Amino acid sequence: MVLTLQAFTTPANTQVIADTAALPGTLPTPAVPTAPAMLSPLIDGSSAYIWSPNTASNQTVTFQSIFDIGTLPILGLALPLSAFYAYAGNETVSVTATLEVVNLLGIVIATIPLFTDANSGSSQDVAIASGDALLAVGLLGNTGRIVINATVTSPTVIGYSANPGRYLGQLTVRSLIAV
């Protein structure tokens, strides 16, 4: 299968859409880089963790990451895609992913569920979720994107923890046809 996309969650493609520590009217807001803890797992060598600009004990944050696949080919046949998502957080993380097809006007014309998953709640755990989709809406000018919503709960603050929240994800998309 052809590698179509490989990207990490970053402040450029991820925003905080829900946050129990945010003041009313302040969302959405960009995620911010956060230094990993001494024992945080890396994903493909990356330690580019993100979190909300707010930090609180037992805070629950929902991140929305949008990964653009690009212009879809004009097809007479369906385009099979496989998405693999590796993610880590320092407490419980649950993720859902959808594949969206967007027309030239920016309107979502198709939404296809890819996967739903949750990690074990261990700060040392890298979980992997995956899903397949059969895409048959490759009309002229349509683009594809994968939207991942991840809800993360930070742990109870402990004496040596400056920032209780950390989250990192990596999306890999493969297709039978180069997109």
C-alpha atoms as a PDB file:
ATOM      1  CA  MET A   1       0.000   0.000   0.000  1.00  0.00           C
ATOM      2  CA  VAL A   2       1.140   3.528  -0.783  1.00  0.00           C
ATOM      3  CA  LEU A   3       1.965   5.845   2.128  1.00  0.00           C
ATOM      4  CA  THR A   4      -0.491   8.731   1.722  1.00  0.00           C
ATOM      5  CA  LEU A   5       0.106  10.660   4.942  1.00  0.00           C
ATOM      6  CA  GLN A   6       2.171  10.466   8.092  1.00  0.00           C
ATOM      7  CA  ALA A   7       1.748  13.325  10.574  1.00  0.00           C
ATOM      8  CA  PHE A   8       1.775  14.128  14.292  1.00  0.00           C
ATOM      9  CA  THR A   9      -0.632  16.178  16.383  1.00  0.00           C
ATOM     10  CA  THR A  10       0.757  19.730  16.638  1.00  0.00           C
ATOM     11  CA  PRO A  11      -0.516  23.177  17.625  1.00  0.00           C
ATOM     12  CA  ALA A  12      -0.874  23.848  13.867  1.00  0.00           C
ATOM     13  CA  ASN A  13      -3.395  21.029  13.240  1.00  0.00           C
ATOM     14  CA  THR A  14      -4.969  20.597  16.687  1.00  0.00           C
ATOM     15  CA  GLN A  15      -7.232  22.766  18.759  1.00  0.00           C
ATOM     16  CA  VAL A  16      -8.843  22.381  22.157  1.00  0.00           C
ATOM     17  CA  ILE A  17     -12.620  22.157  21.638  1.00  0.00           C
ATOM     18  CA  ALA A  18     -13.635  21.252  25.230  1.00  0.00           C
ATOM     19  CA  ASP A  19     -11.811  21.843  28.502  1.00  0.00           C
ATOM     20  CA  THR A  20     -13.106  21.596  32.070  1.00  0.00           C
ATOM     21  CA  ALA A  21     -10.505  24.171  33.188  1.00  0.00           C
ATOM     22  CA  ALA A  22     -11.325  26.777  30.504  1.00  0.00           C
ATOM     23  CA  LEU A  23     -13.257  29.929  31.221  1.00  0.00           C
ATOM     24  CA  PRO A  24     -16.624  30.214  29.440  1.00  0.00           C
ATOM     25  CA  GLY A  25     -16.349  31.664  25.937  1.00  0.00           C
ATOM     26  CA  THR A  26     -12.634  30.922  25.506  1.00  0.00           C
ATOM     27  CA  LEU A  27     -12.915  27.821  23.280  1.00  0.00           C
ATOM     28  CA  PRO A  28     -11.815  26.679  20.803  1.00  0.00           C
ATOM     29  CA  THR A  29      -8.184  27.515  21.439  1.00  0.00           C
ATOM     30  CA  PRO A  30      -4.951  26.167  19.971  1.00  0.00           C
ATOM     31  CA  ALA A  31      -3.196  23.341  21.775  1.00  0.00           C
ATOM     32  CA  VAL A  32       0.236  24.282  23.153  1.00  0.00           C
ATOM     33  CA  PRO A  33       3.538  22.380  23.220  1.00  0.00           C
ATOM     34  CA  THR A  34       4.177  20.650  26.536  1.00  0.00           C
ATOM     35  CA  ALA A  35       7.385  19.116  27.790  1.00  0.00           C
ATOM     36  CA  PRO A  36       7.030  15.373  28.331  1.00  0.00           C
ATOM     37  CA  ALA A  37       7.641  13.846  31.742  1.00  0.00           C
ATOM     38  CA  MET A  38      10.885  12.002  32.320  1.00  0.00           C
ATOM     39  CA  LEU A  39       9.239   8.645  31.534  1.00  0.00           C
ATOM     40  CA  SER A  40       6.780   9.673  28.791  1.00  0.00           C
ATOM     41  CA  PRO A  41       6.830   7.282  25.838  1.00  0.00           C
ATOM     42  CA  LEU A  42       7.980   8.542  22.450  1.00  0.00           C
ATOM     43  CA  ILE A  43       6.138   7.746  19.220  1.00  0.00           C
ATOM     44  CA  ASP A  44       8.511   7.191  16.292  1.00  0.00           C
ATOM     45  CA  GLY A  45      11.089   9.172  18.260  1.00  0.00           C
ATOM     46  CA  SER A  46       8.778  12.170  18.731  1.00  0.00           C
ATOM     47  CA  SER A  47       8.289  13.788  22.126  1.00  0.00           C
ATOM     48  CA  ALA A  48       6.155  16.646  20.738  1.00  0.00           C
ATOM     49  CA  TYR A  49       3.412  16.460  23.361  1.00  0.00           C
ATOM     50  CA  ILE A  50       0.618  19.028  23.426  1.00  0.00           C
ATOM     51  CA  TRP A  51      -1.903  20.163  26.014  1.00  0.00           C
ATOM     52  CA  SER A  52      -4.427  22.870  26.716  1.00  0.00           C
ATOM     53  CA  PRO A  53      -3.174  26.341  27.716  1.00  0.00           C
ATOM     54  CA  ASN A  54      -5.009  25.653  31.015  1.00  0.00           C
ATOM     55  CA  THR A  55      -3.724  23.144  33.560  1.00  0.00           C
ATOM     56  CA  ALA A  56      -5.654  21.676  36.449  1.00  0.00           C
ATOM     57  CA  SER A  57      -5.876  18.481  38.433  1.00  0.00           C
ATOM     58  CA  ASN A  58      -8.279  15.894  36.931  1.00  0.00           C
ATOM     59  CA  GLN A  59      -8.903  18.226  33.997  1.00  0.00           C
ATOM     60  CA  THR A  60     -10.648  16.723  30.972  1.00  0.00           C
ATOM     61  CA  VAL A  61      -9.686  18.127  27.572  1.00  0.00           C
ATOM     62  CA  THR A  62     -10.990  17.269  24.108  1.00  0.00           C
ATOM     63  CA  PHE A  63      -8.606  17.885  21.234  1.00  0.00           C
ATOM     64  CA  GLN A  64      -9.672  17.990  17.597  1.00  0.00           C
ATOM     65  CA  SER A  65      -6.927  17.276  15.081  1.00  0.00           C
ATOM     66  CA  ILE A  66      -7.498  17.696  11.356  1.00  0.00           C
ATOM     67  CA  PHE A  67      -5.153  15.895   8.976  1.00  0.00           C
ATOM     68  CA  ASP A  68      -5.515  16.862   5.313  1.00  0.00           C
ATOM     69  CA  ILE A  69      -5.093  14.042   2.826  1.00  0.00           C
ATOM     70  CA  GLY A  70      -5.298  16.372  -0.176  1.00  0.00           C
ATOM     71  CA  THR A  71      -7.216  16.321  -3.444  1.00  0.00           C
ATOM     72  CA  LEU A  72      -8.908  13.019  -4.088  1.00  0.00           C
ATOM     73  CA  PRO A  73      -8.362  11.389  -7.474  1.00  0.00           C
ATOM     74  CA  ILE A  74     -11.179  11.187  -9.986  1.00  0.00           C
ATOM     75  CA  LEU A  75     -12.181   7.558  -9.758  1.00  0.00           C
ATOM     76  CA  GLY A  76     -14.537   5.162 -11.416  1.00  0.00           C
ATOM     77  CA  LEU A  77     -13.716   2.679  -8.656  1.00  0.00           C
ATOM     78  CA  ALA A  78     -13.619   2.969  -4.891  1.00  0.00           C
ATOM     79  CA  LEU A  79     -10.458   4.092  -3.072  1.00  0.00           C
ATOM     80  CA  PRO A  80      -9.596   1.914  -0.071  1.00  0.00           C
ATOM     81  CA  LEU A  81      -7.786   3.707   2.768  1.00  0.00           C
ATOM     82  CA  SER A  82      -6.275   2.327   5.958  1.00  0.00           C
ATOM     83  CA  ALA A  83      -5.611   4.660   8.884  1.00  0.00           C
ATOM     84  CA  PHE A  84      -3.368   3.819  11.845  1.00  0.00           C
ATOM     85  CA  TYR A  85      -3.252   6.118  14.868  1.00  0.00           C
ATOM     86  CA  ALA A  86      -0.658   5.768  17.629  1.00  0.00           C
ATOM     87  CA  TYR A  87      -1.359   7.926  20.679  1.00  0.00           C
ATOM     88  CA  ALA A  88      -0.216   8.469  24.247  1.00  0.00           C
ATOM     89  CA  GLY A  89      -1.390  10.528  27.198  1.00  0.00           C
ATOM     90  CA  ASN A  90      -0.558  10.572  30.855  1.00  0.00           C
ATOM     91  CA  GLU A  91      -3.958   9.241  31.911  1.00  0.00           C
ATOM     92  CA  THR A  92      -7.011   7.949  30.070  1.00  0.00           C
ATOM     93  CA  VAL A  93      -7.358   8.838  26.392  1.00  0.00           C
ATOM     94  CA  SER A  94     -10.291   7.951  24.152  1.00  0.00           C
ATOM     95  CA  VAL A  95     -10.197   8.676  20.423  1.00  0.00           C
ATOM     96  CA  THR A  96     -12.647   8.663  17.531  1.00  0.00           C
ATOM     97  CA  ALA A  97     -11.758   9.258  13.895  1.00  0.00           C
ATOM     98  CA  THR A  98     -13.775  10.058  10.804  1.00  0.00           C
ATOM     99  CA  LEU A  99     -12.826  10.480   7.182  1.00  0.00           C
ATOM    100  CA  GLU A 100     -14.462  13.546   5.644  1.00  0.00           C
ATOM    101  CA  VAL A 101     -14.828  14.463   1.976  1.00  0.00           C
ATOM    102  CA  VAL A 102     -14.973  18.228   1.428  1.00  0.00           C
ATOM    103  CA  ASN A 103     -16.133  19.882  -1.824  1.00  0.00           C
ATOM    104  CA  LEU A 104     -14.763  23.038  -3.479  1.00  0.00           C
ATOM    105  CA  LEU A 105     -17.036  25.231  -1.338  1.00  0.00           C
ATOM    106  CA  GLY A 106     -15.634  23.780   1.891  1.00  0.00           C
ATOM    107  CA  ILE A 107     -18.799  21.819   2.636  1.00  0.00           C
ATOM    108  CA  VAL A 108     -18.445  18.321   4.072  1.00  0.00           C
ATOM    109  CA  ILE A 109     -20.304  16.043   1.638  1.00  0.00           C
ATOM    110  CA  ALA A 110     -19.447  12.679   3.210  1.00  0.00           C
ATOM    111  CA  THR A 111     -18.438  11.525   6.686  1.00  0.00           C
ATOM    112  CA  ILE A 112     -17.170   7.982   7.105  1.00  0.00           C
ATOM    113  CA  PRO A 113     -16.396   6.581  10.598  1.00  0.00           C
ATOM    114  CA  LEU A 114     -12.905   5.061  10.852  1.00  0.00           C
ATOM    115  CA  PHE A 115     -12.359   3.947  14.450  1.00  0.00           C
ATOM    116  CA  THR A 116     -13.072   4.430  18.137  1.00  0.00           C
ATOM    117  CA  ASP A 117     -10.517   3.366  20.735  1.00  0.00           C
ATOM    118  CA  ALA A 118      -9.221   3.993  24.268  1.00  0.00           C
ATOM    119  CA  ASN A 119      -5.882   3.390  25.951  1.00  0.00           C
ATOM    120  CA  SER A 120      -5.278   1.556  29.221  1.00  0.00           C
ATOM    121  CA  GLY A 121      -4.955   4.756  31.262  1.00  0.00           C
ATOM    122  CA  SER A 122      -1.250   4.185  31.901  1.00  0.00           C
ATOM    123  CA  SER A 123       1.127   7.087  31.334  1.00  0.00           C
ATOM    124  CA  GLN A 124       3.623   4.589  29.860  1.00  0.00           C
ATOM    125  CA  ASP A 125       1.201   3.205  27.275  1.00  0.00           C
ATOM    126  CA  VAL A 126       1.246   3.910  23.529  1.00  0.00           C
ATOM    127  CA  ALA A 127      -2.059   2.665  22.141  1.00  0.00           C
ATOM    128  CA  ILE A 128      -2.759   1.989  18.474  1.00  0.00           C
ATOM    129  CA  ALA A 129      -6.138   2.332  16.785  1.00  0.00           C
ATOM    130  CA  SER A 130      -6.857   1.551  13.164  1.00  0.00           C
ATOM    131  CA  GLY A 131      -9.659   1.537  10.647  1.00  0.00           C
ATOM    132  CA  ASP A 132     -10.354   1.032   6.973  1.00  0.00           C
ATOM    133  CA  ALA A 133     -12.642   2.961   4.657  1.00  0.00           C
ATOM    134  CA  LEU A 134     -13.828   2.525   1.121  1.00  0.00           C
ATOM    135  CA  LEU A 135     -14.120   5.948  -0.473  1.00  0.00           C
ATOM    136  CA  ALA A 136     -16.174   6.240  -3.678  1.00  0.00           C
ATOM    137  CA  VAL A 137     -16.806   9.979  -3.907  1.00  0.00           C
ATOM    138  CA  GLY A 138     -13.688  11.194  -5.713  1.00  0.00           C
ATOM    139  CA  LEU A 139     -15.254  13.969  -7.804  1.00  0.00           C
ATOM    140  CA  LEU A 140     -13.310  16.843  -9.340  1.00  0.00           C
ATOM    141  CA  GLY A 141     -11.962  19.176  -6.650  1.00  0.00           C
ATOM    142  CA  ASN A 142     -12.990  17.148  -3.617  1.00  0.00           C
ATOM    143  CA  THR A 143     -10.433  16.885  -0.835  1.00  0.00           C
ATOM    144  CA  GLY A 144     -10.133  14.391   1.977  1.00  0.00           C
ATOM    145  CA  ARG A 145      -9.299  14.907   5.620  1.00  0.00           C
ATOM    146  CA  ILE A 146      -9.260  12.792   8.736  1.00  0.00           C
ATOM    147  CA  VAL A 147     -10.681  14.355  11.879  1.00  0.00           C
ATOM    148  CA  ILE A 148      -9.612  12.847  15.193  1.00  0.00           C
ATOM    149  CA  ASN A 149     -11.285  13.826  18.456  1.00  0.00           C
ATOM    150  CA  ALA A 150      -9.324  12.776  21.527  1.00  0.00           C
ATOM    151  CA  THR A 151     -10.597  13.217  25.072  1.00  0.00           C
ATOM    152  CA  VAL A 152      -7.829  13.153  27.657  1.00  0.00           C
ATOM    153  CA  THR A 153      -8.040  13.306  31.448  1.00  0.00           C
ATOM    154  CA  SER A 154      -5.057  14.675  33.327  1.00  0.00           C
ATOM    155  CA  PRO A 155      -4.027  12.999  36.588  1.00  0.00           C
ATOM    156  CA  THR A 156      -4.261  14.356  40.081  1.00  0.00           C
ATOM    157  CA  VAL A 157      -1.455  16.883  40.556  1.00  0.00           C
ATOM    158  CA  ILE A 158       1.511  15.464  42.394  1.00  0.00           C
ATOM    159  CA  GLY A 159       4.312  17.400  44.057  1.00  0.00           C
ATOM    160  CA  TYR A 160       6.884  17.192  41.250  1.00  0.00           C
ATOM    161  CA  SER A 161       4.491  17.650  38.310  1.00  0.00           C
ATOM    162  CA  ALA A 162       4.604  21.135  36.803  1.00  0.00           C
ATOM    163  CA  ASN A 163       2.048  20.357  34.079  1.00  0.00           C
ATOM    164  CA  PRO A 164      -0.272  17.402  34.645  1.00  0.00           C
ATOM    165  CA  GLY A 165      -1.484  17.144  31.040  1.00  0.00           C
ATOM    166  CA  ARG A 166       0.248  15.525  28.047  1.00  0.00           C
ATOM    167  CA  TYR A 167      -1.053  14.134  24.761  1.00  0.00           C
ATOM    168  CA  LEU A 168       0.676  12.999  21.556  1.00  0.00           C
ATOM    169  CA  GLY A 169      -0.724  11.321  18.466  1.00  0.00           C
ATOM    170  CA  GLN A 170       0.594  10.142  15.110  1.00  0.00           C
ATOM    171  CA  LEU A 171      -1.585   9.341  12.109  1.00  0.00           C
ATOM    172  CA  THR A 172      -0.426   7.109   9.246  1.00  0.00           C
ATOM    173  CA  VAL A 173      -2.701   6.690   6.215  1.00  0.00           C
ATOM    174  CA  ARG A 174      -2.115   4.195   3.431  1.00  0.00           C
ATOM    175  CA  SER A 175      -4.059   3.632   0.212  1.00  0.00           C
ATOM    176  CA  LEU A 176      -3.911   1.277  -2.759  1.00  0.00           C
ATOM    177  CA  ILE A 177      -3.713   4.326  -5.036  1.00  0.00           C
ATOM    178  CA  ALA A 178      -1.550   7.382  -4.408  1.00  0.00           C
ATOM    179  CA  VAL A 179      -3.852  10.252  -3.431  1.00  0.00           C
END
